[in-house]
Structure formats: structure tokens, C-alpha cells
Amino acid sequence: NGSTCHVGLLGYTSDSRHSGENSNEADSGQIAEVAFTKKQNNTLLRLSYSSSIRTTTIAHSAARWYFQIDGQECSSPETIDIGMYQSDTGNTHVPAYLTGVCSATSHGRIGQGQHTITVHVGQLVTHRIANAGSGWVTLSFLEVQEICPPF
């Protein structure tokens, strides 16, 4: 289309965890947030969240971690999420890296200007809600990059 596309890091936040007492034990709701200014209309967002996650104590349950942009999940190209199933009552912590590219939500294309990216945990629709945890004795981070579309 002849326009110049500039890429770059828009937002970054980290949460240093020093002990199990400081982990986020939310089973549902927002667990991370970063605000940013998108520079151009024709670009995409690359969203990345890294943390230690777990489900525990409730057998045959699951949890889902997902992104929202300005309160809405990504709809194009797809929702960006991960799920974790708990078959027994164990307490296994695993490293997780949630990442994807987003151009639009149910409210339309993500345009130039101020936006808020959040990470949430909640129920995986196929199972009852697990006792979830995020960020146990690890550095968790949320990163947003503006990238050029592949055209």
C-alpha cells in the first residue's frame, strides 16, 4: 500500500516473584496489565505472556489463560489462549508462554491510539473451574509489540 510500517516494543511489565506466598492465586479474573499507544492503524499486535501456571486440588478441572485488548478478546485471526487440565488433586507448576498476533476484537480493528492489554484466568468451558495459580517463584512478564502485517 506504499506506507511505511514501523515496528517496536509498545509495552512491557514484569512481576518478580520471590516466594510461593507471593503467587497470584486467582481462579478467575485479571492477573496482568500493560497500557500502550499503538502508532499506526495498519499494524498488528504481537502479545506475549510468560509465567509459571498451575491447577490444583480439584480433580477433573481446568483453567484457561487468555488476553483481552480494551476489555475484549481477540477475534482476528483467532482468540489467543491456553488451557491446563488437572486429572487428579496434585499441585504441578509448569512454565507457560502464551503468545499470538491480533488485529481485531469484536469491537473492530485495533486502531492507532491508547490501548490496554490484560491477561486473565478463568474457566475452560468444557470443565469445572480449577483452583488456578500464576507466577510461583518466577518472573512473569507481559509484552506487547506492534508488528508489520505480512503484505
C-alpha atoms as a PDB file:
ATOM      1  CA  ASN A   1       0.000   0.000   0.000  1.00  0.00           C
ATOM      2  CA  GLY A   2       3.041   2.282  -0.131  1.00  0.00           C
ATOM      3  CA  SER A   3       3.006   3.314   3.517  1.00  0.00           C
ATOM      4  CA  THR A   4       5.954   2.748   5.800  1.00  0.00           C
ATOM      5  CA  CYS A   5       5.476   0.288   8.624  1.00  0.00           C
ATOM      6  CA  HIS A   6       7.462   0.833  11.817  1.00  0.00           C
ATOM      7  CA  VAL A   7       7.756  -1.941  14.376  1.00  0.00           C
ATOM      8  CA  GLY A   8       8.665  -1.738  18.015  1.00  0.00           C
ATOM      9  CA  LEU A   9       8.006  -2.612  21.611  1.00  0.00           C
ATOM     10  CA  LEU A  10       4.903  -0.819  22.853  1.00  0.00           C
ATOM     11  CA  GLY A  11       4.565  -2.033  26.395  1.00  0.00           C
ATOM     12  CA  TYR A  12       6.254  -4.230  28.936  1.00  0.00           C
ATOM     13  CA  THR A  13       5.534  -5.088  32.528  1.00  0.00           C
ATOM     14  CA  SER A  14       7.051  -7.661  34.821  1.00  0.00           C
ATOM     15  CA  ASP A  15       6.211  -9.003  38.236  1.00  0.00           C
ATOM     16  CA  SER A  16       9.085 -10.523  40.147  1.00  0.00           C
ATOM     17  CA  ARG A  17       8.056 -13.397  42.402  1.00  0.00           C
ATOM     18  CA  HIS A  18      10.244 -14.199  45.396  1.00  0.00           C
ATOM     19  CA  SER A  19       8.275 -16.901  47.213  1.00  0.00           C
ATOM     20  CA  GLY A  20       5.238 -19.112  46.910  1.00  0.00           C
ATOM     21  CA  GLU A  21       3.449 -16.718  49.256  1.00  0.00           C
ATOM     22  CA  ASN A  22       3.534 -14.050  46.515  1.00  0.00           C
ATOM     23  CA  SER A  23       1.952 -16.056  43.687  1.00  0.00           C
ATOM     24  CA  ASN A  24      -1.331 -14.919  42.159  1.00  0.00           C
ATOM     25  CA  GLU A  25      -3.903 -17.466  43.338  1.00  0.00           C
ATOM     26  CA  ALA A  26      -6.817 -16.027  41.347  1.00  0.00           C
ATOM     27  CA  ASP A  27      -9.061 -18.721  39.836  1.00  0.00           C
ATOM     28  CA  SER A  28     -10.717 -16.122  37.635  1.00  0.00           C
ATOM     29  CA  GLY A  29     -10.178 -12.504  36.661  1.00  0.00           C
ATOM     30  CA  GLN A  30      -7.374 -10.221  35.556  1.00  0.00           C
ATOM     31  CA  ILE A  31      -3.812 -11.176  36.524  1.00  0.00           C
ATOM     32  CA  ALA A  32      -1.632  -8.765  34.472  1.00  0.00           C
ATOM     33  CA  GLU A  33      -2.000  -5.435  32.643  1.00  0.00           C
ATOM     34  CA  VAL A  34       0.001  -3.107  30.425  1.00  0.00           C
ATOM     35  CA  ALA A  35      -1.067   0.162  28.742  1.00  0.00           C
ATOM     36  CA  PHE A  36       0.407   1.282  25.425  1.00  0.00           C
ATOM     37  CA  THR A  37      -0.006   3.618  22.467  1.00  0.00           C
ATOM     38  CA  LYS A  38      -0.341   1.948  19.058  1.00  0.00           C
ATOM     39  CA  LYS A  39       1.461   4.091  16.493  1.00  0.00           C
ATOM     40  CA  GLN A  40      -0.251   3.037  13.246  1.00  0.00           C
ATOM     41  CA  ASN A  41      -3.620   1.733  12.042  1.00  0.00           C
ATOM     42  CA  ASN A  42      -2.305  -0.853   9.566  1.00  0.00           C
ATOM     43  CA  THR A  43      -0.180  -2.849  12.028  1.00  0.00           C
ATOM     44  CA  LEU A  44      -0.797  -5.959  14.148  1.00  0.00           C
ATOM     45  CA  LEU A  45      -0.136  -6.630  17.817  1.00  0.00           C
ATOM     46  CA  ARG A  46       2.088  -9.471  18.977  1.00  0.00           C
ATOM     47  CA  LEU A  47       1.099 -10.308  22.557  1.00  0.00           C
ATOM     48  CA  SER A  48       3.281 -12.417  24.868  1.00  0.00           C
ATOM     49  CA  TYR A  49       2.828 -13.525  28.474  1.00  0.00           C
ATOM     50  CA  SER A  50       5.253 -15.785  30.325  1.00  0.00           C
ATOM     51  CA  SER A  51       4.731 -17.216  33.792  1.00  0.00           C
ATOM     52  CA  SER A  52       4.548 -20.345  35.875  1.00  0.00           C
ATOM     53  CA  ILE A  53       0.976 -21.692  35.973  1.00  0.00           C
ATOM     54  CA  ARG A  54      -0.805 -24.500  37.765  1.00  0.00           C
ATOM     55  CA  THR A  55      -4.122 -26.070  38.586  1.00  0.00           C
ATOM     56  CA  THR A  56      -4.558 -27.996  41.823  1.00  0.00           C
ATOM     57  CA  THR A  57      -6.781 -29.640  44.452  1.00  0.00           C
ATOM     58  CA  ILE A  58      -9.860 -30.227  42.263  1.00  0.00           C
ATOM     59  CA  ALA A  59      -9.723 -33.421  40.191  1.00  0.00           C
ATOM     60  CA  HIS A  60     -11.021 -33.271  36.600  1.00  0.00           C
ATOM     61  CA  SER A  61     -10.982 -29.483  36.458  1.00  0.00           C
ATOM     62  CA  ALA A  62      -9.294 -26.965  34.175  1.00  0.00           C
ATOM     63  CA  ALA A  63      -8.338 -23.321  33.837  1.00  0.00           C
ATOM     64  CA  ARG A  64      -7.842 -21.032  30.846  1.00  0.00           C
ATOM     65  CA  TRP A  65      -5.398 -18.109  30.487  1.00  0.00           C
ATOM     66  CA  TYR A  66      -6.202 -15.542  27.768  1.00  0.00           C
ATOM     67  CA  PHE A  67      -5.611 -11.995  26.508  1.00  0.00           C
ATOM     68  CA  GLN A  68      -8.027  -9.092  26.291  1.00  0.00           C
ATOM     69  CA  ILE A  69      -7.494  -5.855  24.389  1.00  0.00           C
ATOM     70  CA  ASP A  70      -9.529  -2.980  25.836  1.00  0.00           C
ATOM     71  CA  GLY A  71     -11.805  -5.489  27.603  1.00  0.00           C
ATOM     72  CA  GLN A  72     -12.436  -7.719  24.556  1.00  0.00           C
ATOM     73  CA  GLU A  73     -10.815 -10.965  23.428  1.00  0.00           C
ATOM     74  CA  CYS A  74      -9.010 -11.063  20.104  1.00  0.00           C
ATOM     75  CA  SER A  75     -11.272 -12.177  17.243  1.00  0.00           C
ATOM     76  CA  SER A  76      -8.897 -11.883  14.294  1.00  0.00           C
ATOM     77  CA  PRO A  77      -7.197 -14.009  13.416  1.00  0.00           C
ATOM     78  CA  GLU A  78      -8.374 -16.024  16.493  1.00  0.00           C
ATOM     79  CA  THR A  79      -8.694 -15.950  20.284  1.00  0.00           C
ATOM     80  CA  ILE A  80      -5.290 -16.238  21.987  1.00  0.00           C
ATOM     81  CA  ASP A  81      -5.441 -18.624  24.953  1.00  0.00           C
ATOM     82  CA  ILE A  82      -4.037 -21.700  26.669  1.00  0.00           C
ATOM     83  CA  GLY A  83      -5.683 -24.216  28.953  1.00  0.00           C
ATOM     84  CA  MET A  84      -4.481 -26.573  31.664  1.00  0.00           C
ATOM     85  CA  TYR A  85      -6.351 -29.702  32.800  1.00  0.00           C
ATOM     86  CA  GLN A  86      -5.998 -31.305  36.248  1.00  0.00           C
ATOM     87  CA  SER A  87      -6.784 -35.046  36.289  1.00  0.00           C
ATOM     88  CA  ASP A  88      -6.055 -35.569  39.992  1.00  0.00           C
ATOM     89  CA  THR A  89      -5.530 -33.444  43.102  1.00  0.00           C
ATOM     90  CA  GLY A  90      -1.811 -32.806  42.536  1.00  0.00           C
ATOM     91  CA  ASN A  91      -0.019 -29.454  42.542  1.00  0.00           C
ATOM     92  CA  THR A  92       2.131 -29.353  39.424  1.00  0.00           C
ATOM     93  CA  HIS A  93       3.593 -25.996  38.350  1.00  0.00           C
ATOM     94  CA  VAL A  94       4.587 -25.685  34.685  1.00  0.00           C
ATOM     95  CA  PRO A  95       6.216 -22.909  32.671  1.00  0.00           C
ATOM     96  CA  ALA A  96       3.787 -21.291  30.243  1.00  0.00           C
ATOM     97  CA  TYR A  97       4.279 -18.959  27.308  1.00  0.00           C
ATOM     98  CA  LEU A  98       1.076 -17.512  25.868  1.00  0.00           C
ATOM     99  CA  THR A  99       1.673 -15.680  22.598  1.00  0.00           C
ATOM    100  CA  GLY A 100      -0.141 -14.703  19.439  1.00  0.00           C
ATOM    101  CA  VAL A 101      -0.927 -11.992  16.914  1.00  0.00           C
ATOM    102  CA  CYS A 102      -4.103  -9.908  16.943  1.00  0.00           C
ATOM    103  CA  SER A 103      -5.564  -7.391  14.510  1.00  0.00           C
ATOM    104  CA  ALA A 104      -9.158  -7.027  15.778  1.00  0.00           C
ATOM    105  CA  THR A 105     -11.633  -7.687  18.585  1.00  0.00           C
ATOM    106  CA  SER A 106     -15.433  -7.891  18.447  1.00  0.00           C
ATOM    107  CA  HIS A 107     -15.348  -4.060  18.508  1.00  0.00           C
ATOM    108  CA  GLY A 108     -13.415  -3.952  15.220  1.00  0.00           C
ATOM    109  CA  ARG A 109      -9.842  -3.381  14.077  1.00  0.00           C
ATOM    110  CA  ILE A 110      -7.371  -2.320  16.790  1.00  0.00           C
ATOM    111  CA  GLY A 111      -6.584   1.201  15.629  1.00  0.00           C
ATOM    112  CA  GLN A 112      -3.933   3.770  16.365  1.00  0.00           C
ATOM    113  CA  GLY A 113      -4.013   5.234  19.872  1.00  0.00           C
ATOM    114  CA  GLN A 114      -4.196   4.276  23.554  1.00  0.00           C
ATOM    115  CA  HIS A 115      -4.997   0.649  24.470  1.00  0.00           C
ATOM    116  CA  THR A 116      -4.849  -1.660  27.478  1.00  0.00           C
ATOM    117  CA  ILE A 117      -3.783  -5.307  27.227  1.00  0.00           C
ATOM    118  CA  THR A 118      -4.735  -7.627  30.070  1.00  0.00           C
ATOM    119  CA  VAL A 119      -4.160 -11.291  30.868  1.00  0.00           C
ATOM    120  CA  HIS A 120      -6.992 -13.180  32.536  1.00  0.00           C
ATOM    121  CA  VAL A 121      -7.528 -16.615  34.035  1.00  0.00           C
ATOM    122  CA  GLY A 122     -10.904 -18.326  34.056  1.00  0.00           C
ATOM    123  CA  GLN A 123     -12.946 -21.392  33.296  1.00  0.00           C
ATOM    124  CA  LEU A 124     -12.305 -23.652  30.334  1.00  0.00           C
ATOM    125  CA  VAL A 125     -15.879 -24.203  29.123  1.00  0.00           C
ATOM    126  CA  THR A 126     -15.549 -27.994  28.907  1.00  0.00           C
ATOM    127  CA  HIS A 127     -14.648 -28.495  32.611  1.00  0.00           C
ATOM    128  CA  ARG A 128     -15.403 -27.086  36.033  1.00  0.00           C
ATOM    129  CA  ILE A 129     -13.137 -24.255  37.177  1.00  0.00           C
ATOM    130  CA  ALA A 130      -9.839 -25.323  38.684  1.00  0.00           C
ATOM    131  CA  ASN A 131      -8.006 -23.893  41.640  1.00  0.00           C
ATOM    132  CA  ALA A 132      -5.594 -21.912  39.428  1.00  0.00           C
ATOM    133  CA  GLY A 133      -2.314 -20.181  40.160  1.00  0.00           C
ATOM    134  CA  SER A 134       0.033 -17.952  38.176  1.00  0.00           C
ATOM    135  CA  GLY A 135       3.609 -16.815  38.802  1.00  0.00           C
ATOM    136  CA  TRP A 136       5.004 -19.011  41.543  1.00  0.00           C
ATOM    137  CA  VAL A 137       8.637 -18.102  42.421  1.00  0.00           C
ATOM    138  CA  THR A 138       9.224 -16.833  38.876  1.00  0.00           C
ATOM    139  CA  LEU A 139       9.492 -13.629  36.915  1.00  0.00           C
ATOM    140  CA  SER A 140       6.250 -13.205  34.994  1.00  0.00           C
ATOM    141  CA  PHE A 141       6.074 -10.775  32.093  1.00  0.00           C
ATOM    142  CA  LEU A 142       3.569  -9.302  29.657  1.00  0.00           C
ATOM    143  CA  GLU A 143       4.916  -7.796  26.440  1.00  0.00           C
ATOM    144  CA  VAL A 144       3.176  -6.027  23.543  1.00  0.00           C
ATOM    145  CA  GLN A 145       4.829  -5.387  20.173  1.00  0.00           C
ATOM    146  CA  GLU A 146       3.489  -3.545  17.130  1.00  0.00           C
ATOM    147  CA  ILE A 147       4.432  -5.506  14.003  1.00  0.00           C
ATOM    148  CA  CYS A 148       4.018  -5.055  10.260  1.00  0.00           C
ATOM    149  CA  PRO A 149       1.355  -7.174   8.560  1.00  0.00           C
ATOM    150  CA  PRO A 150       2.625  -9.782   6.065  1.00  0.00           C
ATOM    151  CA  PHE A 151       1.662  -7.903   2.886  1.00  0.00           C
END
